[in-house]
Amino acid sequence: MSSSKKHILKDEPVNFRLLAIASSLSISQMVWNINHACAVSLTQNIELEENLGFPAFTDRQTSASRVITLIGNKVAGKVLHAKLANIDFIIEVSGQADEQFITDTQRCLKSIQGIQVVSEVQPSLLKLKEPYCAE
């Protein structure tokens, strides 16, 4: 009789959420529309852009307990996350982001003309354990 051990693998809790966006808008149009429709203040994040090689805009001003980052998922024929090849942008919310905030953000994004899809993506799908832009 052989004995076997069962290991339960749990996803470690993460302190950030991801929203995937499919859109026909350019990154500059996306930033402008999000800033106006969703009452945030996204500004270019040059340091993150240099690290990733993809456009990134971050809002650290609107909330002291939350950072919102918009990252382009495609640039010049390259894709940041191949598992999301049909997705154009990723919004990362790090810090305090309860269900209501995520629901409100999704509703706001869906109201922007030119955005076709907004859906939440689990960081584990992309094998992310840390946010790109921490609070």
Protein backbone atom coordinates (compact mmCIF):
# COMPACT_ATOMS: atom_id res chain seq x y z
CA MET A 1 0.00 0.00 0.00
CA SER A 2 1.56 3.22 -1.09
CA SER A 3 0.92 6.45 0.65
CA SER A 4 0.45 9.66 -1.18
CA LYS A 5 0.51 13.21 -0.08
CA LYS A 6 -1.91 15.70 -1.40
CA HIS A 7 -0.79 19.26 -1.66
CA ILE A 8 -3.33 21.97 -2.02
CA LEU A 9 -2.02 24.84 -4.03
CA LYS A 10 -3.64 28.12 -3.27
CA ASP A 11 -3.20 31.33 -5.14
CA GLU A 12 -1.52 33.80 -2.89
CA PRO A 13 -3.72 36.82 -2.27
CA VAL A 14 -2.73 39.84 -4.30
CA ASN A 15 -3.26 43.48 -3.48
CA PHE A 16 -4.14 44.52 -7.01
CA ARG A 17 -6.83 43.93 -9.63
CA LEU A 18 -6.64 43.89 -13.42
CA LEU A 19 -9.18 44.99 -16.01
CA ALA A 20 -8.70 44.00 -19.65
CA ILE A 21 -9.97 46.40 -22.32
CA ALA A 22 -10.57 45.81 -26.01
CA SER A 23 -10.84 49.11 -27.85
CA SER A 24 -10.36 50.82 -31.17
CA LEU A 25 -8.98 53.93 -29.44
CA SER A 26 -5.31 54.94 -29.45
CA ILE A 27 -3.48 55.15 -26.12
CA SER A 28 -3.72 58.97 -26.07
CA GLN A 29 -7.46 58.87 -26.84
CA MET A 30 -7.90 56.23 -24.14
CA VAL A 31 -6.09 58.33 -21.52
CA TRP A 32 -8.07 61.46 -22.41
CA ASN A 33 -11.41 59.62 -22.30
CA ILE A 34 -10.67 57.82 -19.03
CA ASN A 35 -9.47 61.03 -17.36
CA HIS A 36 -12.66 62.85 -18.34
CA ALA A 37 -15.24 60.08 -17.94
CA CYS A 38 -13.91 58.37 -14.82
CA ALA A 39 -12.58 61.37 -12.85
CA VAL A 40 -8.98 60.17 -12.66
CA SER A 41 -5.72 61.89 -13.54
CA LEU A 42 -3.60 59.51 -15.63
CA THR A 43 -0.18 60.90 -16.53
CA GLN A 44 2.68 59.30 -18.43
CA ASN A 45 4.78 56.90 -16.34
CA ILE A 46 8.15 57.04 -18.12
CA GLU A 47 9.91 54.77 -15.61
CA LEU A 48 7.36 51.97 -16.07
CA GLU A 49 7.39 52.47 -19.86
CA GLU A 50 11.16 52.02 -19.91
CA ASN A 51 10.93 48.85 -17.80
CA LEU A 52 8.09 47.27 -19.80
CA GLY A 53 8.70 48.65 -23.27
CA PHE A 54 4.98 49.44 -23.48
CA PRO A 55 3.12 52.73 -22.94
CA ALA A 56 1.98 53.32 -19.35
CA PHE A 57 0.02 56.05 -17.59
CA THR A 58 -0.50 56.23 -13.83
CA ASP A 59 -2.79 58.11 -11.45
CA ARG A 60 -1.39 58.55 -7.93
CA GLN A 61 -3.21 61.81 -7.21
CA THR A 62 -6.90 60.93 -7.10
CA SER A 63 -6.68 58.62 -4.08
CA ALA A 64 -4.07 58.26 -1.36
CA SER A 65 -4.95 54.57 -0.90
CA ARG A 66 -5.09 53.48 -4.53
CA VAL A 67 -2.95 53.67 -7.70
CA ILE A 68 -4.50 53.24 -11.14
CA THR A 69 -2.28 52.40 -14.11
CA LEU A 70 -3.23 52.07 -17.77
CA ILE A 71 -0.82 49.89 -19.77
CA GLY A 72 -0.90 49.33 -23.51
CA ASN A 73 -0.91 45.59 -24.21
CA LYS A 74 0.19 46.00 -27.85
CA VAL A 75 2.85 48.14 -29.48
CA ALA A 76 4.60 47.85 -32.85
CA GLY A 77 3.53 44.24 -33.37
CA LYS A 78 4.55 43.13 -29.86
CA VAL A 79 2.14 41.92 -27.18
CA LEU A 80 2.86 42.33 -23.46
CA HIS A 81 0.66 39.39 -22.41
CA ALA A 82 0.23 36.76 -25.12
CA LYS A 83 -2.67 35.16 -23.18
CA LEU A 84 -4.53 38.42 -23.77
CA ALA A 85 -3.62 38.84 -27.44
CA ASN A 86 -7.07 40.27 -28.27
CA ILE A 87 -6.84 42.86 -25.49
CA ASP A 88 -5.53 46.35 -26.25
CA PHE A 89 -5.12 47.81 -22.75
CA ILE A 90 -4.81 46.67 -19.16
CA ILE A 91 -5.86 48.74 -16.18
CA GLU A 92 -4.16 47.82 -12.95
CA VAL A 93 -5.66 48.99 -9.67
CA SER A 94 -3.34 48.51 -6.70
CA GLY A 95 -4.16 49.30 -3.10
CA GLN A 96 -7.74 49.56 -1.91
CA ALA A 97 -10.05 48.30 -4.63
CA ASP A 98 -13.21 46.70 -3.31
CA GLU A 99 -15.89 45.09 -5.49
CA GLN A 100 -17.92 48.30 -5.67
CA PHE A 101 -14.96 50.32 -6.94
CA ILE A 102 -14.18 47.72 -9.63
CA THR A 103 -17.86 47.54 -10.66
CA ASP A 104 -18.07 51.34 -10.86
CA THR A 105 -14.83 51.51 -12.86
CA GLN A 106 -16.06 48.88 -15.31
CA ARG A 107 -19.35 50.76 -15.74
CA CYS A 108 -17.48 54.01 -16.35
CA LEU A 109 -15.13 52.41 -18.89
CA LYS A 110 -18.02 50.73 -20.74
CA SER A 111 -19.65 54.15 -21.15
CA ILE A 112 -16.71 55.39 -23.25
CA GLN A 113 -17.40 55.25 -26.97
CA GLY A 114 -14.75 53.13 -28.69
CA ILE A 115 -14.41 50.58 -25.89
CA GLN A 116 -15.91 47.25 -26.88
CA VAL A 117 -15.03 45.01 -23.91
CA VAL A 118 -14.05 45.51 -20.28
CA SER A 119 -13.54 42.46 -18.11
CA GLU A 120 -11.65 41.57 -14.97
CA VAL A 121 -8.65 39.26 -15.33
CA GLN A 122 -7.12 37.31 -12.47
CA PRO A 123 -3.43 38.20 -11.99
CA SER A 124 -2.67 34.47 -11.66
CA LEU A 125 -3.72 33.99 -15.32
CA LEU A 126 -0.80 36.22 -16.28
CA LYS A 127 1.44 34.77 -13.55
CA LEU A 128 1.68 38.14 -11.85
CA LYS A 129 2.29 38.21 -8.11
CA GLU A 130 3.19 41.88 -7.82
CA PRO A 131 1.61 44.91 -9.46
CA TYR A 132 3.53 46.73 -12.16
CA CYS A 133 2.95 49.98 -10.32
CA ALA A 134 2.57 49.56 -6.57
CA GLU A 135 0.82 52.10 -4.36
